[in-house]
PDB file of all heavy atoms in Angstrom:
ATOM      1  N   ASP A   1       0.877  -1.199  -0.020  1.00  0.00           N
ATOM      2  CA  ASP A   1      -0.012  -0.015  -0.014  1.00  0.00           C
ATOM      3  C   ASP A   1       0.931   1.244  -0.009  1.00  0.00           C
ATOM      4  O   ASP A   1       1.611   1.517   0.983  1.00  0.00           O
ATOM      5  CB  ASP A   1      -0.885  -0.001   1.228  1.00  0.00           C
ATOM      6  CG  ASP A   1      -1.949   1.153   1.180  1.00  0.00           C
ATOM      7  OD1 ASP A   1      -1.777   2.094   0.393  1.00  0.00           O
ATOM      8  OD2 ASP A   1      -2.919   1.099   1.942  1.00  0.00           O
ATOM      9  N   TYR A   2       0.909   1.966  -1.095  1.00  0.00           N
ATOM     10  CA  TYR A   2       1.764   3.132  -1.268  1.00  0.00           C
ATOM     11  C   TYR A   2       1.299   4.319  -0.413  1.00  0.00           C
ATOM     12  O   TYR A   2       2.080   5.294  -0.275  1.00  0.00           O
ATOM     13  CB  TYR A   2       1.842   3.547  -2.731  1.00  0.00           C
ATOM     14  CG  TYR A   2       2.704   2.657  -3.586  1.00  0.00           C
ATOM     15  CD1 TYR A   2       2.082   1.827  -4.536  1.00  0.00           C
ATOM     16  CD2 TYR A   2       4.081   2.633  -3.495  1.00  0.00           C
ATOM     17  CE1 TYR A   2       2.857   0.983  -5.338  1.00  0.00           C
ATOM     18  CE2 TYR A   2       4.822   1.799  -4.312  1.00  0.00           C
ATOM     19  CZ  TYR A   2       4.218   0.990  -5.266  1.00  0.00           C
ATOM     20  OH  TYR A   2       4.981   0.151  -6.002  1.00  0.00           O
ATOM     21  N   CYS A   3       0.088   4.294   0.079  1.00  0.00           N
ATOM     22  CA  CYS A   3      -0.473   5.480   0.700  1.00  0.00           C
ATOM     23  C   CYS A   3      -0.799   5.266   2.212  1.00  0.00           C
ATOM     24  O   CYS A   3      -1.667   5.910   2.756  1.00  0.00           O
ATOM     25  CB  CYS A   3      -1.725   5.923  -0.064  1.00  0.00           C
ATOM     26  SG  CYS A   3      -1.416   6.434  -1.724  1.00  0.00           S
ATOM     27  N   ASP A   4      -0.055   4.376   2.824  1.00  0.00           N
ATOM     28  CA  ASP A   4      -0.254   4.164   4.262  1.00  0.00           C
ATOM     29  C   ASP A   4       1.060   3.722   4.878  1.00  0.00           C
ATOM     30  O   ASP A   4       1.989   3.306   4.165  1.00  0.00           O
ATOM     31  CB  ASP A   4      -1.330   3.159   4.537  1.00  0.00           C
ATOM     32  CG  ASP A   4      -1.949   3.295   5.911  1.00  0.00           C
ATOM     33  OD1 ASP A   4      -1.475   4.178   6.691  1.00  0.00           O
ATOM     34  OD2 ASP A   4      -2.927   2.577   6.195  1.00  0.00           O
ATOM     35  N   VAL A   5       1.131   3.842   6.200  1.00  0.00           N
ATOM     36  CA  VAL A   5       2.303   3.445   6.946  1.00  0.00           C
ATOM     37  C   VAL A   5       2.165   2.061   7.520  1.00  0.00           C
ATOM     38  O   VAL A   5       1.054   1.754   8.027  1.00  0.00           O
ATOM     39  CB  VAL A   5       2.516   4.482   8.110  1.00  0.00           C
ATOM     40  CG1 VAL A   5       3.657   4.016   9.032  1.00  0.00           C
ATOM     41  CG2 VAL A   5       2.806   5.873   7.591  1.00  0.00           C
ATOM     42  N   ASP A   6       3.127   1.208   7.411  1.00  0.00           N
ATOM     43  CA  ASP A   6       3.030  -0.075   8.005  1.00  0.00           C
ATOM     44  C   ASP A   6       2.981   0.023   9.495  1.00  0.00           C
ATOM     45  O   ASP A   6       3.667   0.825  10.126  1.00  0.00           O
ATOM     46  CB  ASP A   6       4.296  -0.900   7.617  1.00  0.00           C
ATOM     47  CG  ASP A   6       4.090  -2.365   7.963  1.00  0.00           C
ATOM     48  OD1 ASP A   6       4.346  -2.777   9.109  1.00  0.00           O
ATOM     49  OD2 ASP A   6       3.648  -3.123   7.059  1.00  0.00           O
ATOM     50  N   PRO A   7       2.080  -0.772  10.135  1.00  0.00           N
ATOM     51  CA  PRO A   7       1.985  -0.702  11.626  1.00  0.00           C
ATOM     52  C   PRO A   7       3.289  -0.874  12.354  1.00  0.00           C
ATOM     53  O   PRO A   7       3.418  -0.350  13.481  1.00  0.00           O
ATOM     54  CB  PRO A   7       0.995  -1.818  11.918  1.00  0.00           C
ATOM     55  CG  PRO A   7       0.158  -2.003  10.661  1.00  0.00           C
ATOM     56  CD  PRO A   7       1.127  -1.710   9.552  1.00  0.00           C
ATOM     57  N   MET A   8       4.250  -1.556  11.761  1.00  0.00           N
ATOM     58  CA  MET A   8       5.558  -1.670  12.349  1.00  0.00           C
ATOM     59  C   MET A   8       6.136  -0.320  12.663  1.00  0.00           C
ATOM     60  O   MET A   8       6.826  -0.122  13.665  1.00  0.00           O
ATOM     61  CB  MET A   8       6.507  -2.481  11.442  1.00  0.00           C
ATOM     62  CG  MET A   8       7.956  -2.421  11.883  1.00  0.00           C
ATOM     63  SD  MET A   8       9.049  -3.157  10.659  1.00  0.00           S
ATOM     64  CE  MET A   8       8.648  -4.867  10.897  1.00  0.00           C
ATOM     65  N   PHE A   9       5.898   0.629  11.725  1.00  0.00           N
ATOM     66  CA  PHE A   9       6.475   1.978  11.850  1.00  0.00           C
ATOM     67  C   PHE A   9       5.554   2.994  12.493  1.00  0.00           C
ATOM     68  O   PHE A   9       6.010   4.098  12.828  1.00  0.00           O
ATOM     69  CB  PHE A   9       6.938   2.433  10.479  1.00  0.00           C
ATOM     70  CG  PHE A   9       7.997   1.588   9.846  1.00  0.00           C
ATOM     71  CD1 PHE A   9       7.666   0.869   8.683  1.00  0.00           C
ATOM     72  CD2 PHE A   9       9.252   1.386  10.423  1.00  0.00           C
ATOM     73  CE1 PHE A   9       8.661   0.049   8.110  1.00  0.00           C
ATOM     74  CE2 PHE A   9      10.202   0.591   9.843  1.00  0.00           C
ATOM     75  CZ  PHE A   9       9.928  -0.070   8.656  1.00  0.00           C
ATOM     76  N   GLY A  10       4.271   2.654  12.636  1.00  0.00           N
ATOM     77  CA  GLY A  10       3.390   3.632  13.226  1.00  0.00           C
ATOM     78  C   GLY A  10       2.140   3.884  12.386  1.00  0.00           C
ATOM     79  O   GLY A  10       1.611   3.011  11.737  1.00  0.00           O
ATOM     80  N   THR A  11       1.798   5.179  12.341  1.00  0.00           N
ATOM     81  CA  THR A  11       0.598   5.583  11.596  1.00  0.00           C
ATOM     82  C   THR A  11       0.888   6.786  10.724  1.00  0.00           C
ATOM     83  O   THR A  11       1.934   7.428  10.835  1.00  0.00           O
ATOM     84  CB  THR A  11      -0.488   5.938  12.632  1.00  0.00           C
ATOM     85  OG1 THR A  11      -0.042   7.145  13.340  1.00  0.00           O
ATOM     86  CG2 THR A  11      -0.775   4.810  13.581  1.00  0.00           C
ATOM     87  N   LEU A  12      -0.061   7.204   9.900  1.00  0.00           N
ATOM     88  CA  LEU A  12       0.040   8.374   9.093  1.00  0.00           C
ATOM     89  C   LEU A  12       0.170   9.592  10.008  1.00  0.00           C
ATOM     90  O   LEU A  12       0.861  10.561   9.700  1.00  0.00           O
ATOM     91  CB  LEU A  12      -1.150   8.542   8.159  1.00  0.00           C
ATOM     92  CG  LEU A  12      -1.110   7.779   6.857  1.00  0.00           C
ATOM     93  CD1 LEU A  12      -2.455   7.839   6.120  1.00  0.00           C
ATOM     94  CD2 LEU A  12       0.017   8.315   5.928  1.00  0.00           C
ATOM     95  N   ALA A  13      -0.511   9.568  11.163  1.00  0.00           N
ATOM     96  CA  ALA A  13      -0.393  10.671  12.072  1.00  0.00           C
ATOM     97  C   ALA A  13       1.045  10.807  12.629  1.00  0.00           C
ATOM     98  O   ALA A  13       1.577  11.894  12.834  1.00  0.00           O
ATOM     99  CB  ALA A  13      -1.344  10.473  13.259  1.00  0.00           C
ATOM    100  N   ASP A  14       1.691   9.622  12.828  1.00  0.00           N
ATOM    101  CA  ASP A  14       3.112   9.654  13.250  1.00  0.00           C
ATOM    102  C   ASP A  14       3.980  10.246  12.197  1.00  0.00           C
ATOM    103  O   ASP A  14       4.929  10.969  12.488  1.00  0.00           O
ATOM    104  CB  ASP A  14       3.587   8.223  13.566  1.00  0.00           C
ATOM    105  CG  ASP A  14       2.891   7.629  14.786  1.00  0.00           C
ATOM    106  OD1 ASP A  14       2.424   8.382  15.626  1.00  0.00           O
ATOM    107  OD2 ASP A  14       2.818   6.371  14.849  1.00  0.00           O
ATOM    108  N   PHE A  15       3.696   9.932  10.944  1.00  0.00           N
ATOM    109  CA  PHE A  15       4.467  10.499   9.808  1.00  0.00           C
ATOM    110  C   PHE A  15       4.291  12.004   9.782  1.00  0.00           C
ATOM    111  O   PHE A  15       5.258  12.777   9.622  1.00  0.00           O
ATOM    112  CB  PHE A  15       4.030   9.892   8.463  1.00  0.00           C
ATOM    113  CG  PHE A  15       4.732  10.530   7.312  1.00  0.00           C
ATOM    114  CD1 PHE A  15       6.044  10.085   6.950  1.00  0.00           C
ATOM    115  CD2 PHE A  15       4.210  11.584   6.624  1.00  0.00           C
ATOM    116  CE1 PHE A  15       6.695  10.729   5.906  1.00  0.00           C
ATOM    117  CE2 PHE A  15       4.846  12.197   5.610  1.00  0.00           C
ATOM    118  CZ  PHE A  15       6.111  11.770   5.203  1.00  0.00           C
ATOM    119  N   ASP A  16       2.999  12.425   9.876  1.00  0.00           N
ATOM    120  CA  ASP A  16       2.757  13.894   9.858  1.00  0.00           C
ATOM    121  C   ASP A  16       3.472  14.637  11.009  1.00  0.00           C
ATOM    122  O   ASP A  16       4.013  15.731  10.779  1.00  0.00           O
ATOM    123  CB  ASP A  16       1.236  14.157   9.938  1.00  0.00           C
ATOM    124  CG  ASP A  16       0.505  13.675   8.689  1.00  0.00           C
ATOM    125  OD1 ASP A  16       1.129  13.473   7.634  1.00  0.00           O
ATOM    126  OD2 ASP A  16      -0.761  13.438   8.812  1.00  0.00           O
ATOM    127  N   ALA A  17       3.490  14.018  12.171  1.00  0.00           N
ATOM    128  CA  ALA A  17       4.178  14.643  13.316  1.00  0.00           C
ATOM    129  C   ALA A  17       5.655  14.714  13.016  1.00  0.00           C
ATOM    130  O   ALA A  17       6.342  15.737  13.377  1.00  0.00           O
ATOM    131  CB  ALA A  17       3.888  13.850  14.572  1.00  0.00           C
ATOM    132  N   MET A  18       6.229  13.680  12.471  1.00  0.00           N
ATOM    133  CA  MET A  18       7.659  13.652  12.140  1.00  0.00           C
ATOM    134  C   MET A  18       7.976  14.710  11.117  1.00  0.00           C
ATOM    135  O   MET A  18       8.947  15.455  11.272  1.00  0.00           O
ATOM    136  CB  MET A  18       8.080  12.242  11.623  1.00  0.00           C
ATOM    137  CG  MET A  18       9.505  12.084  11.287  1.00  0.00           C
ATOM    138  SD  MET A  18       9.987  12.673   9.632  1.00  0.00           S
ATOM    139  CE  MET A  18       8.869  11.677   8.630  1.00  0.00           C
ATOM    140  N   LEU A  19       7.130  14.866  10.083  1.00  0.00           N
ATOM    141  CA  LEU A  19       7.344  15.827   9.078  1.00  0.00           C
ATOM    142  C   LEU A  19       7.286  17.235   9.619  1.00  0.00           C
ATOM    143  O   LEU A  19       8.109  18.116   9.306  1.00  0.00           O
ATOM    144  CB  LEU A  19       6.246  15.666   7.963  1.00  0.00           C
ATOM    145  CG  LEU A  19       6.400  16.527   6.746  1.00  0.00           C
ATOM    146  CD1 LEU A  19       7.626  16.112   5.876  1.00  0.00           C
ATOM    147  CD2 LEU A  19       5.148  16.399   5.875  1.00  0.00           C
ATOM    148  N   THR A  20       6.330  17.540  10.494  1.00  0.00           N
ATOM    149  CA  THR A  20       6.238  18.822  11.140  1.00  0.00           C
ATOM    150  C   THR A  20       7.451  19.135  11.930  1.00  0.00           C
ATOM    151  O   THR A  20       8.007  20.276  11.843  1.00  0.00           O
ATOM    152  CB  THR A  20       4.967  18.875  12.016  1.00  0.00           C
ATOM    153  OG1 THR A  20       3.789  18.672  11.199  1.00  0.00           O
ATOM    154  CG2 THR A  20       4.839  20.210  12.730  1.00  0.00           C
ATOM    155  N   THR A  21       7.890  18.216  12.727  1.00  0.00           N
ATOM    156  CA  THR A  21       9.122  18.451  13.552  1.00  0.00           C
ATOM    157  C   THR A  21      10.326  18.722  12.692  1.00  0.00           C
ATOM    158  O   THR A  21      11.115  19.596  13.000  1.00  0.00           O
ATOM    159  CB  THR A  21       9.332  17.277  14.502  1.00  0.00           C
ATOM    160  OG1 THR A  21       8.145  17.083  15.348  1.00  0.00           O
ATOM    161  CG2 THR A  21      10.545  17.522  15.423  1.00  0.00           C
ATOM    162  N   ALA A  22      10.478  17.918  11.643  1.00  0.00           N
ATOM    163  CA  ALA A  22      11.625  18.109  10.770  1.00  0.00           C
ATOM    164  C   ALA A  22      11.610  19.482  10.159  1.00  0.00           C
ATOM    165  O   ALA A  22      12.648  20.188  10.137  1.00  0.00           O
ATOM    166  CB  ALA A  22      11.587  17.051   9.649  1.00  0.00           C
ATOM    167  N   HIS A  23      10.498  19.925   9.691  1.00  0.00           N
ATOM    168  CA  HIS A  23      10.389  21.254   9.076  1.00  0.00           C
ATOM    169  C   HIS A  23      10.630  22.372  10.125  1.00  0.00           C
ATOM    170  O   HIS A  23      11.272  23.384   9.788  1.00  0.00           O
ATOM    171  CB  HIS A  23       8.988  21.456   8.457  1.00  0.00           C
ATOM    172  CG  HIS A  23       8.875  20.653   7.157  1.00  0.00           C
ATOM    173  ND1 HIS A  23       7.627  20.484   6.569  1.00  0.00           N
ATOM    174  CD2 HIS A  23       9.795  20.037   6.387  1.00  0.00           C
ATOM    175  CE1 HIS A  23       7.819  19.765   5.438  1.00  0.00           C
ATOM    176  NE2 HIS A  23       9.103  19.513   5.316  1.00  0.00           N
ATOM    177  N   GLU A  24      10.198  22.169  11.341  1.00  0.00           N
ATOM    178  CA  GLU A  24      10.529  23.183  12.391  1.00  0.00           C
ATOM    179  C   GLU A  24      12.007  23.249  12.658  1.00  0.00           C
ATOM    180  O   GLU A  24      12.494  24.312  13.024  1.00  0.00           O
ATOM    181  CB  GLU A  24       9.769  22.762  13.683  1.00  0.00           C
ATOM    182  CG  GLU A  24       8.239  22.939  13.618  1.00  0.00           C
ATOM    183  CD  GLU A  24       7.543  22.372  14.810  1.00  0.00           C
ATOM    184  OE1 GLU A  24       8.218  21.651  15.632  1.00  0.00           O
ATOM    185  OE2 GLU A  24       6.321  22.606  15.000  1.00  0.00           O
ATOM    186  N   LEU A  25      12.722  22.187  12.406  1.00  0.00           N
ATOM    187  CA  LEU A  25      14.173  22.169  12.609  1.00  0.00           C
ATOM    188  C   LEU A  25      14.947  22.535  11.355  1.00  0.00           C
ATOM    189  O   LEU A  25      16.161  22.545  11.347  1.00  0.00           O
ATOM    190  CB  LEU A  25      14.616  20.749  13.083  1.00  0.00           C
ATOM    191  CG  LEU A  25      14.175  20.345  14.485  1.00  0.00           C
ATOM    192  CD1 LEU A  25      14.422  18.871  14.710  1.00  0.00           C
ATOM    193  CD2 LEU A  25      14.917  21.142  15.541  1.00  0.00           C
TER     194      LEU A  25
END
């Protein structure tokens, strides 16, 4: 599934949070 996060790595919300933090840095 190209449009979702594998449960091993978390969720789409986890990705969004990571992306936000990266951009803040």
